[in-house]
Amino acid sequence: MEVLNTSGRRKTSVARIYMTSGQGNITINDRDIKEYFPSEVLQTIVQQPLALIEAVGKYDIKANIKGGGVAGQAEALRLAITKALVEENAETRPALKKEGFLTRDPRMVERKKFGKRKARRSFQFSKR
C-alpha cells in the first residue's frame, strides 16, 4: 500500500495525515499519541474508526495538527483517518458513515457582536 494523504477539520483544528501499512504506530507532530493525547478518552476518539473496521495495528499514521484545542484536534484527526480508510477500501464506507465518522461537524464558535458582552450575552441591565 502506498502512502495515503488526507486531511480532516473540526472547529479551528486542521489535521493532515500520511497513512501507510505498518504496526499501528500513531505519531502526531513527531510525538507518540499517548504523549500528545494523555487522556484515554481522546485516544479512544482517534482510534474509533480503526476499531470499528478491526484495523487497529494494521496502519502507521503520521499526523500534523494545527489550531484549536485538544478535543477539536482529536476529532479532526478522527475525520482524517476515516477519509483515508475509505480511500484505501471503499467497502468500509457504509459502516463508517452509519457511525457518523464521515461527517464534518460544521459547528463553529459564533463571533462576538458589538454592544454585547459575548456573542449573545448582554451586559447586565440596570434600571436606575
Protein backbone atom coordinates (compact mmCIF):
# COMPACT_ATOMS: atom_id res chain seq x y z
CA MET A 1 0.00 0.00 0.00
CA GLU A 2 1.32 3.44 -0.95
CA VAL A 3 1.11 6.49 1.31
CA LEU A 4 -2.44 7.86 1.66
CA ASN A 5 -2.63 11.59 2.34
CA THR A 6 -5.88 13.08 3.70
CA SER A 7 -6.97 15.93 5.94
CA GLY A 8 -9.74 16.47 8.50
CA ARG A 9 -11.09 19.61 10.14
CA ARG A 10 -13.11 20.44 13.26
CA LYS A 11 -13.74 23.92 14.74
CA THR A 12 -10.41 25.65 14.05
CA SER A 13 -8.26 22.49 14.04
CA VAL A 14 -6.75 21.05 10.88
CA ALA A 15 -5.23 17.55 10.80
CA ARG A 16 -3.16 16.33 7.85
CA ILE A 17 -2.26 12.64 7.90
CA TYR A 18 0.00 10.26 6.00
CA MET A 19 -1.17 6.64 6.35
CA THR A 20 0.85 3.56 5.38
CA SER A 21 0.50 -0.11 6.23
CA GLY A 22 2.54 -0.95 9.33
CA GLN A 23 2.42 -1.93 13.01
CA GLY A 24 -0.16 0.59 14.24
CA ASN A 25 2.11 3.44 15.33
CA ILE A 26 0.32 6.79 15.53
CA THR A 27 2.67 9.79 15.56
CA ILE A 28 1.28 13.30 16.00
CA ASN A 29 3.57 16.30 15.47
CA ASP A 30 6.60 13.98 15.93
CA ARG A 31 5.24 12.73 19.29
CA ASP A 32 3.53 9.45 20.20
CA ILE A 33 -0.29 9.50 20.60
CA LYS A 34 -0.02 8.61 24.31
CA GLU A 35 2.25 11.60 24.85
CA TYR A 36 0.25 14.02 22.66
CA PHE A 37 -3.20 12.99 24.00
CA PRO A 38 -2.60 11.83 27.61
CA SER A 39 -6.38 11.49 28.09
CA GLU A 40 -7.74 7.98 27.39
CA VAL A 41 -10.98 9.50 26.04
CA LEU A 42 -9.17 11.46 23.31
CA GLN A 43 -7.04 8.42 22.36
CA THR A 44 -10.26 6.40 22.03
CA ILE A 45 -11.86 9.11 19.84
CA VAL A 46 -8.86 9.00 17.48
CA GLN A 47 -8.91 5.19 17.24
CA GLN A 48 -12.72 4.76 16.85
CA PRO A 49 -12.72 4.32 13.03
CA LEU A 50 -9.85 1.80 13.22
CA ALA A 51 -11.61 -0.14 15.98
CA LEU A 52 -14.88 -0.17 14.04
CA ILE A 53 -13.40 -1.91 11.00
CA GLU A 54 -10.99 -4.01 13.13
CA ALA A 55 -7.88 -2.40 11.64
CA VAL A 56 -6.09 -1.50 14.91
CA GLY A 57 -2.39 -2.29 14.45
CA LYS A 58 -2.55 -2.51 10.64
CA TYR A 59 -1.63 1.07 9.70
CA ASP A 60 1.09 3.53 10.65
CA ILE A 61 -0.24 7.09 10.85
CA LYS A 62 1.89 10.23 10.83
CA ALA A 63 -0.16 13.37 11.53
CA ASN A 64 0.41 17.10 11.58
CA ILE A 65 -2.20 19.01 13.59
CA LYS A 66 -2.58 22.78 13.91
CA GLY A 67 -5.00 25.07 15.70
CA GLY A 68 -7.86 24.66 18.15
CA GLY A 69 -7.94 22.74 21.41
CA VAL A 70 -7.33 19.10 22.26
CA ALA A 71 -10.91 17.86 21.65
CA GLY A 72 -11.16 19.62 18.27
CA GLN A 73 -7.76 18.23 17.27
CA ALA A 74 -8.76 14.68 18.24
CA GLU A 75 -11.98 14.88 16.21
CA ALA A 76 -10.17 16.43 13.22
CA LEU A 77 -7.70 13.54 13.33
CA ARG A 78 -10.58 11.04 13.53
CA LEU A 79 -12.14 12.52 10.36
CA ALA A 80 -8.81 12.40 8.52
CA ILE A 81 -8.26 8.73 9.48
CA THR A 82 -11.81 7.84 8.38
CA LYS A 83 -11.31 9.53 4.99
CA ALA A 84 -8.04 7.63 4.48
CA LEU A 85 -9.68 4.29 5.37
CA VAL A 86 -12.48 4.91 2.84
CA GLU A 87 -9.93 5.93 0.19
CA GLU A 88 -8.00 2.70 0.86
CA ASN A 89 -11.05 0.39 0.88
CA ALA A 90 -14.43 1.69 -0.35
CA GLU A 91 -16.30 -1.25 1.26
CA THR A 92 -15.73 0.25 4.73
CA ARG A 93 -17.70 3.39 3.79
CA PRO A 94 -21.24 2.27 4.83
CA ALA A 95 -20.14 1.16 8.31
CA LEU A 96 -18.14 4.35 8.94
CA LYS A 97 -20.91 6.57 7.55
CA LYS A 98 -23.50 4.88 9.80
CA GLU A 99 -21.42 5.83 12.86
CA GLY A 100 -21.19 9.43 11.59
CA PHE A 101 -17.40 9.50 11.25
CA LEU A 102 -17.52 10.81 7.68
CA THR A 103 -19.49 13.94 8.54
CA ARG A 104 -17.51 17.14 9.03
CA ASP A 105 -19.03 18.74 12.15
CA PRO A 106 -19.91 22.27 10.94
CA ARG A 107 -20.36 23.87 14.37
CA MET A 108 -18.04 26.84 14.88
CA VAL A 109 -17.76 29.49 17.56
CA GLU A 110 -20.16 32.37 16.93
CA ARG A 111 -18.43 35.74 16.63
CA LYS A 112 -18.78 38.43 19.29
CA LYS A 113 -21.19 41.24 18.41
CA PHE A 114 -20.68 44.90 19.33
CA GLY A 115 -22.85 46.17 22.17
CA LYS A 116 -22.84 42.70 23.72
CA ARG A 117 -20.60 41.07 26.30
CA LYS A 118 -20.17 37.87 24.26
CA ALA A 119 -21.86 36.59 21.09
CA ARG A 120 -25.35 36.74 22.60
CA ARG A 121 -24.88 37.58 26.28
CA SER A 122 -25.77 41.22 27.01
CA PHE A 123 -24.34 43.44 29.69
CA GLN A 124 -26.24 43.41 32.99
CA PHE A 125 -29.33 45.60 32.74
CA SER A 126 -29.62 48.40 35.27
CA LYS A 127 -32.94 50.19 35.56
CA ARG A 128 -31.58 53.05 37.69
